[in-house]
C-alpha atoms as a PDB file:
ATOM      1  CA  MET A   1     102.898 -68.365  -4.764  1.00  0.00           C
ATOM      2  CA  ALA A   2     105.841 -69.988  -6.540  1.00  0.00           C
ATOM      3  CA  LEU A   3     109.001 -68.013  -7.016  1.00  0.00           C
ATOM      4  CA  LYS A   4     110.029 -67.385 -10.598  1.00  0.00           C
ATOM      5  CA  ALA A   5     113.401 -68.044 -12.144  1.00  0.00           C
ATOM      6  CA  THR A   6     115.720 -65.119 -12.758  1.00  0.00           C
ATOM      7  CA  VAL A   7     116.938 -64.768 -16.329  1.00  0.00           C
ATOM      8  CA  PHE A   8     120.640 -64.247 -16.981  1.00  0.00           C
ATOM      9  CA  ARG A   9     122.265 -63.673 -20.345  1.00  0.00           C
ATOM     10  CA  ALA A  10     125.798 -64.606 -21.294  1.00  0.00           C
ATOM     11  CA  ASP A  11     127.745 -63.843 -24.423  1.00  0.00           C
ATOM     12  CA  LEU A  12     130.162 -66.792 -24.318  1.00  0.00           C
ATOM     13  CA  GLN A  13     133.131 -67.022 -26.662  1.00  0.00           C
ATOM     14  CA  VAL A  14     134.714 -70.498 -26.739  1.00  0.00           C
ATOM     15  CA  ALA A  15     138.200 -71.256 -28.059  1.00  0.00           C
ATOM     16  CA  ASP A  16     138.665 -74.996 -27.586  1.00  0.00           C
ATOM     17  CA  MET A  17     141.987 -75.882 -29.160  1.00  0.00           C
ATOM     18  CA  GLU A  18     141.636 -79.526 -28.165  1.00  0.00           C
ATOM     19  CA  ARG A  19     138.458 -80.033 -30.225  1.00  0.00           C
ATOM     20  CA  ASN A  20     139.300 -77.336 -32.806  1.00  0.00           C
ATOM     21  CA  TYR A  21     136.039 -75.600 -31.866  1.00  0.00           C
ATOM     22  CA  TYR A  22     135.798 -71.805 -32.010  1.00  0.00           C
ATOM     23  CA  ALA A  23     132.396 -70.157 -31.670  1.00  0.00           C
ATOM     24  CA  GLY A  24     130.316 -67.594 -29.892  1.00  0.00           C
ATOM     25  CA  HIS A  25     127.136 -68.494 -28.047  1.00  0.00           C
ATOM     26  CA  ALA A  26     124.378 -66.167 -26.859  1.00  0.00           C
ATOM     27  CA  LEU A  27     123.105 -68.020 -23.798  1.00  0.00           C
ATOM     28  CA  THR A  28     119.922 -67.405 -21.864  1.00  0.00           C
ATOM     29  CA  ILE A  29     120.087 -69.035 -18.459  1.00  0.00           C
ATOM     30  CA  ALA A  30     117.095 -69.390 -16.166  1.00  0.00           C
ATOM     31  CA  ARG A  31     118.333 -69.514 -12.585  1.00  0.00           C
ATOM     32  CA  HIS A  32     115.887 -71.039 -10.128  1.00  0.00           C
ATOM     33  CA  PRO A  33     115.629 -69.125  -6.816  1.00  0.00           C
ATOM     34  CA  SER A  34     117.207 -72.086  -4.993  1.00  0.00           C
ATOM     35  CA  GLU A  35     120.239 -72.158  -7.318  1.00  0.00           C
ATOM     36  CA  THR A  36     123.425 -70.401  -6.253  1.00  0.00           C
ATOM     37  CA  ASP A  37     125.647 -68.214  -8.425  1.00  0.00           C
ATOM     38  CA  GLU A  38     128.319 -70.901  -8.087  1.00  0.00           C
ATOM     39  CA  ARG A  39     126.076 -73.639  -9.495  1.00  0.00           C
ATOM     40  CA  MET A  40     124.852 -71.468 -12.353  1.00  0.00           C
ATOM     41  CA  MET A  41     128.433 -70.599 -13.316  1.00  0.00           C
ATOM     42  CA  VAL A  42     129.398 -74.294 -13.195  1.00  0.00           C
ATOM     43  CA  ARG A  43     126.537 -74.941 -15.642  1.00  0.00           C
ATOM     44  CA  ILE A  44     127.988 -72.264 -17.937  1.00  0.00           C
ATOM     45  CA  LEU A  45     131.461 -73.817 -17.579  1.00  0.00           C
ATOM     46  CA  ALA A  46     129.999 -77.245 -18.445  1.00  0.00           C
ATOM     47  CA  PHE A  47     128.420 -75.681 -21.528  1.00  0.00           C
ATOM     48  CA  ALA A  48     131.777 -74.181 -22.557  1.00  0.00           C
ATOM     49  CA  LEU A  49     133.617 -77.488 -22.084  1.00  0.00           C
ATOM     50  CA  ASN A  50     131.113 -79.275 -24.341  1.00  0.00           C
ATOM     51  CA  ALA A  51     130.091 -76.370 -26.572  1.00  0.00           C
ATOM     52  CA  ASN A  52     128.059 -77.320 -29.608  1.00  0.00           C
ATOM     53  CA  GLU A  53     125.383 -75.494 -31.598  1.00  0.00           C
ATOM     54  CA  SER A  54     122.798 -78.045 -30.426  1.00  0.00           C
ATOM     55  CA  LEU A  55     123.781 -78.185 -26.740  1.00  0.00           C
ATOM     56  CA  SER A  56     121.080 -76.625 -24.575  1.00  0.00           C
ATOM     57  CA  PHE A  57     120.090 -75.984 -21.000  1.00  0.00           C
ATOM     58  CA  ALA A  58     117.172 -78.139 -19.855  1.00  0.00           C
ATOM     59  CA  GLN A  59     113.916 -76.572 -18.694  1.00  0.00           C
ATOM     60  CA  SER A  60     113.998 -77.632 -15.048  1.00  0.00           C
ATOM     61  CA  ILE A  61     116.802 -77.455 -12.508  1.00  0.00           C
ATOM     62  CA  GLY A  62     117.561 -80.491 -10.386  1.00  0.00           C
ATOM     63  CA  SER A  63     113.963 -81.326  -9.555  1.00  0.00           C
ATOM     64  CA  SER A  64     113.271 -83.644 -12.449  1.00  0.00           C
ATOM     65  CA  ASP A  65     114.757 -87.058 -13.169  1.00  0.00           C
ATOM     66  CA  ASP A  66     113.590 -86.636 -16.763  1.00  0.00           C
ATOM     67  CA  GLU A  67     115.906 -83.760 -17.621  1.00  0.00           C
ATOM     68  CA  PRO A  68     119.575 -83.000 -17.022  1.00  0.00           C
ATOM     69  CA  ASP A  69     121.175 -79.605 -16.482  1.00  0.00           C
ATOM     70  CA  LEU A  70     122.317 -79.598 -20.126  1.00  0.00           C
ATOM     71  CA  TRP A  71     121.791 -81.947 -23.002  1.00  0.00           C
ATOM     72  CA  LEU A  72     122.600 -82.537 -26.622  1.00  0.00           C
ATOM     73  CA  LYS A  73     119.994 -84.248 -28.785  1.00  0.00           C
ATOM     74  CA  ASP A  74     120.228 -85.308 -32.404  1.00  0.00           C
ATOM     75  CA  LEU A  75     117.557 -84.450 -34.966  1.00  0.00           C
ATOM     76  CA  THR A  76     115.524 -87.540 -34.063  1.00  0.00           C
ATOM     77  CA  GLY A  77     115.391 -86.562 -30.376  1.00  0.00           C
ATOM     78  CA  ARG A  78     117.900 -89.211 -29.244  1.00  0.00           C
ATOM     79  CA  ILE A  79     119.967 -87.922 -26.328  1.00  0.00           C
ATOM     80  CA  GLN A  80     123.630 -87.950 -27.287  1.00  0.00           C
ATOM     81  CA  LEU A  81     124.981 -86.144 -24.215  1.00  0.00           C
ATOM     82  CA  TRP A  82     123.459 -85.735 -20.747  1.00  0.00           C
ATOM     83  CA  ILE A  83     125.258 -83.337 -18.376  1.00  0.00           C
ATOM     84  CA  GLU A  84     124.639 -83.066 -14.640  1.00  0.00           C
ATOM     85  CA  VAL A  85     126.167 -80.485 -12.307  1.00  0.00           C
ATOM     86  CA  GLY A  86     126.775 -80.995  -8.591  1.00  0.00           C
ATOM     87  CA  LEU A  87     126.250 -84.262  -6.736  1.00  0.00           C
ATOM     88  CA  PRO A  88     123.235 -85.923  -8.376  1.00  0.00           C
ATOM     89  CA  ASP A  89     121.510 -88.971  -6.949  1.00  0.00           C
ATOM     90  CA  ASP A  90     122.980 -92.280  -8.208  1.00  0.00           C
ATOM     91  CA  LYS A  91     119.512 -93.400  -9.387  1.00  0.00           C
ATOM     92  CA  LYS A  92     119.290 -90.349 -11.626  1.00  0.00           C
ATOM     93  CA  ILE A  93     122.764 -91.087 -13.005  1.00  0.00           C
ATOM     94  CA  ARG A  94     121.874 -94.731 -13.742  1.00  0.00           C
ATOM     95  CA  ARG A  95     118.677 -93.630 -15.476  1.00  0.00           C
ATOM     96  CA  ALA A  96     120.629 -91.047 -17.505  1.00  0.00           C
ATOM     97  CA  CYS A  97     123.199 -93.688 -18.542  1.00  0.00           C
ATOM     98  CA  GLY A  98     120.360 -95.823 -19.848  1.00  0.00           C
ATOM     99  CA  ARG A  99     118.795 -92.974 -21.816  1.00  0.00           C
ATOM    100  CA  SER A 100     121.869 -91.261 -23.268  1.00  0.00           C
ATOM    101  CA  ASP A 101     124.897 -92.208 -25.336  1.00  0.00           C
ATOM    102  CA  ARG A 102     127.189 -90.339 -22.936  1.00  0.00           C
ATOM    103  CA  VAL A 103     126.769 -88.852 -19.442  1.00  0.00           C
ATOM    104  CA  ILE A 104     129.073 -86.342 -17.754  1.00  0.00           C
ATOM    105  CA  VAL A 105     128.808 -85.248 -14.130  1.00  0.00           C
ATOM    106  CA  TYR A 106     130.663 -82.053 -13.213  1.00  0.00           C
ATOM    107  CA  SER A 107     130.882 -82.425  -9.458  1.00  0.00           C
ATOM    108  CA  TYR A 108     132.019 -79.808  -6.969  1.00  0.00           C
ATOM    109  CA  GLY A 109     131.612 -78.867  -3.349  1.00  0.00           C
ATOM    110  CA  ARG A 110     132.488 -80.113   0.107  1.00  0.00           C
ATOM    111  CA  GLY A 111     130.259 -83.192  -0.101  1.00  0.00           C
ATOM    112  CA  PHE A 112     132.101 -84.770  -3.038  1.00  0.00           C
ATOM    113  CA  ASP A 113     134.162 -87.288  -1.042  1.00  0.00           C
ATOM    114  CA  LEU A 114     131.104 -88.751   0.695  1.00  0.00           C
ATOM    115  CA  TRP A 115     129.057 -88.717  -2.539  1.00  0.00           C
ATOM    116  CA  TRP A 116     131.871 -90.530  -4.388  1.00  0.00           C
ATOM    117  CA  LYS A 117     132.329 -93.089  -1.605  1.00  0.00           C
ATOM    118  CA  GLN A 118     128.603 -93.907  -1.539  1.00  0.00           C
ATOM    119  CA  GLY A 119     128.106 -94.083  -5.311  1.00  0.00           C
ATOM    120  CA  ARG A 120     131.445 -95.244  -6.680  1.00  0.00           C
ATOM    121  CA  GLU A 121     130.505 -98.906  -7.228  1.00  0.00           C
ATOM    122  CA  SER A 122     127.340 -97.924  -9.047  1.00  0.00           C
ATOM    123  CA  PHE A 123     129.132 -95.283 -11.130  1.00  0.00           C
ATOM    124  CA  GLU A 124     131.912 -97.653 -12.206  1.00  0.00           C
ATOM    125  CA  ARG A 125     129.356-100.056 -13.724  1.00  0.00           C
ATOM    126  CA  SER A 126     128.358 -97.465 -16.330  1.00  0.00           C
ATOM    127  CA  SER A 127     130.698 -97.495 -19.308  1.00  0.00           C
ATOM    128  CA  ASN A 128     129.243 -94.276 -20.749  1.00  0.00           C
ATOM    129  CA  LEU A 129     129.695 -92.178 -17.568  1.00  0.00           C
ATOM    130  CA  GLU A 130     132.369 -89.573 -16.899  1.00  0.00           C
ATOM    131  CA  VAL A 131     132.800 -87.931 -13.502  1.00  0.00           C
ATOM    132  CA  ILE A 132     134.805 -84.719 -13.395  1.00  0.00           C
ATOM    133  CA  VAL A 133     135.739 -83.048 -10.105  1.00  0.00           C
ATOM    134  CA  LEU A 134     136.005 -79.270 -10.102  1.00  0.00           C
ATOM    135  CA  PRO A 135     138.051 -77.646  -7.312  1.00  0.00           C
ATOM    136  CA  GLN A 136     135.960 -75.620  -4.903  1.00  0.00           C
ATOM    137  CA  VAL A 137     138.379 -72.668  -5.015  1.00  0.00           C
ATOM    138  CA  ALA A 138     137.792 -72.372  -8.765  1.00  0.00           C
ATOM    139  CA  THR A 139     134.006 -72.789  -8.652  1.00  0.00           C
ATOM    140  CA  GLN A 140     133.729 -70.167  -5.909  1.00  0.00           C
ATOM    141  CA  ALA A 141     135.872 -67.802  -7.983  1.00  0.00           C
ATOM    142  CA  LEU A 142     133.596 -68.401 -10.991  1.00  0.00           C
ATOM    143  CA  ALA A 143     130.590 -67.354  -8.892  1.00  0.00           C
ATOM    144  CA  LYS A 144     132.011 -63.817  -8.827  1.00  0.00           C
ATOM    145  CA  PHE A 145     131.422 -63.581 -12.609  1.00  0.00           C
ATOM    146  CA  SER A 146     127.659 -63.888 -12.129  1.00  0.00           C
ATOM    147  CA  LYS A 147     125.798 -60.859 -13.466  1.00  0.00           C
ATOM    148  CA  LYS A 148     122.468 -60.456 -15.234  1.00  0.00           C
ATOM    149  CA  SER A 149     124.410 -59.763 -18.430  1.00  0.00           C
ATOM    150  CA  MET A 150     127.820 -61.396 -18.840  1.00  0.00           C
ATOM    151  CA  HIS A 151     130.552 -61.356 -21.452  1.00  0.00           C
ATOM    152  CA  LEU A 152     132.715 -64.445 -20.967  1.00  0.00           C
ATOM    153  CA  ASN A 153     135.638 -66.008 -22.787  1.00  0.00           C
ATOM    154  CA  CYS A 154     136.613 -69.632 -22.330  1.00  0.00           C
ATOM    155  CA  THR A 155     139.937 -70.973 -23.553  1.00  0.00           C
ATOM    156  CA  ILE A 156     140.680 -74.698 -23.492  1.00  0.00           C
ATOM    157  CA  GLN A 157     144.180 -75.865 -24.336  1.00  0.00           C
ATOM    158  CA  ASP A 158     146.491 -78.696 -23.257  1.00  0.00           C
ATOM    159  CA  GLY A 159     144.072 -79.897 -20.585  1.00  0.00           C
ATOM    160  CA  GLN A 160     143.797 -76.439 -19.034  1.00  0.00           C
ATOM    161  CA  VAL A 161     140.720 -74.246 -18.905  1.00  0.00           C
ATOM    162  CA  TRP A 162     140.456 -70.496 -18.375  1.00  0.00           C
ATOM    163  CA  LEU A 163     137.186 -68.635 -17.997  1.00  0.00           C
ATOM    164  CA  ALA A 164     137.381 -64.838 -18.046  1.00  0.00           C
ATOM    165  CA  ASP A 165     135.110 -61.838 -17.957  1.00  0.00           C
ATOM    166  CA  GLU A 166     136.088 -58.249 -18.804  1.00  0.00           C
ATOM    167  CA  THR A 167     138.351 -57.857 -15.750  1.00  0.00           C
ATOM    168  CA  GLU A 168     139.344 -61.239 -14.293  1.00  0.00           C
ATOM    169  CA  SER A 169     140.383 -64.717 -15.336  1.00  0.00           C
ATOM    170  CA  VAL A 170     139.974 -68.001 -13.453  1.00  0.00           C
ATOM    171  CA  GLN A 171     141.949 -71.125 -14.264  1.00  0.00           C
ATOM    172  CA  VAL A 172     140.021 -74.337 -13.664  1.00  0.00           C
ATOM    173  CA  GLU A 173     142.170 -77.435 -13.232  1.00  0.00           C
ATOM    174  CA  PHE A 174     139.786 -80.334 -12.973  1.00  0.00           C
ATOM    175  CA  GLU A 175     140.321 -83.994 -12.162  1.00  0.00           C
ATOM    176  CA  ARG A 176     138.729 -86.693 -14.314  1.00  0.00           C
ATOM    177  CA  ARG A 177     137.688 -89.233 -11.678  1.00  0.00           C
ATOM    178  CA  LEU A 178     135.928 -91.668 -13.998  1.00  0.00           C
ATOM    179  CA  GLY A 179     135.690 -92.303 -17.731  1.00  0.00           C
ATOM    180  CA  GLY A 180     136.851 -90.286 -20.670  1.00  0.00           C
ATOM    181  CA  ALA A 181     140.145 -90.343 -22.484  1.00  0.00           C
END
C-alpha cells in the first residue's frame, strides 16, 4: 500500500522590494512521506523568491524527470521557469534547460560541494541555468516553521531575504553560484 502525501497549507505574504511585487498567496503543499520539513520549507522559500500568480507546485516530488518542484507556464503551456530544490541529477537539469526558458536550482545540504564538483562543467554549459546555494543553518531553521497550517511573511530587499511566522524570523543569505544578474 502506497503512502499518501500529507497536505499543508500556507498563507504566504510576499513583499519583494526588488521586483516591486507585493501579494498574498494561499498555498496548498502536498508533502510526500519521503520529503523532510526542511525540503518542503525550501520549496516554499523558492516560491516566495519567484512569486507570481501563475507559479505552481508540480504534482510529483523528485521522482519524475518530467516535472520540477515548481514551475511557471504561460497560457500556451510553454514553460517559462523551472525550479528544482536540493541536488538534482545533472541529466534532469540538462533536460529542464532544454524545455524551459529559465531554470533555477535552489541547492542546500551537506552534499553540495561534491554535487557541484561533479556537475559544474555540465551546469556551466547551460546559459539559462541559475544555481543558488542556501546555507544549511538557514534551511534547518526554516524547517521549524513547518506546521499543517502556516502563516508566513517573506520580505526581500537589497539582496536579503527574511522569512517569518507568527513568532520567529529567519534571515536567508544565499550565494548565487551560477547565472543570474
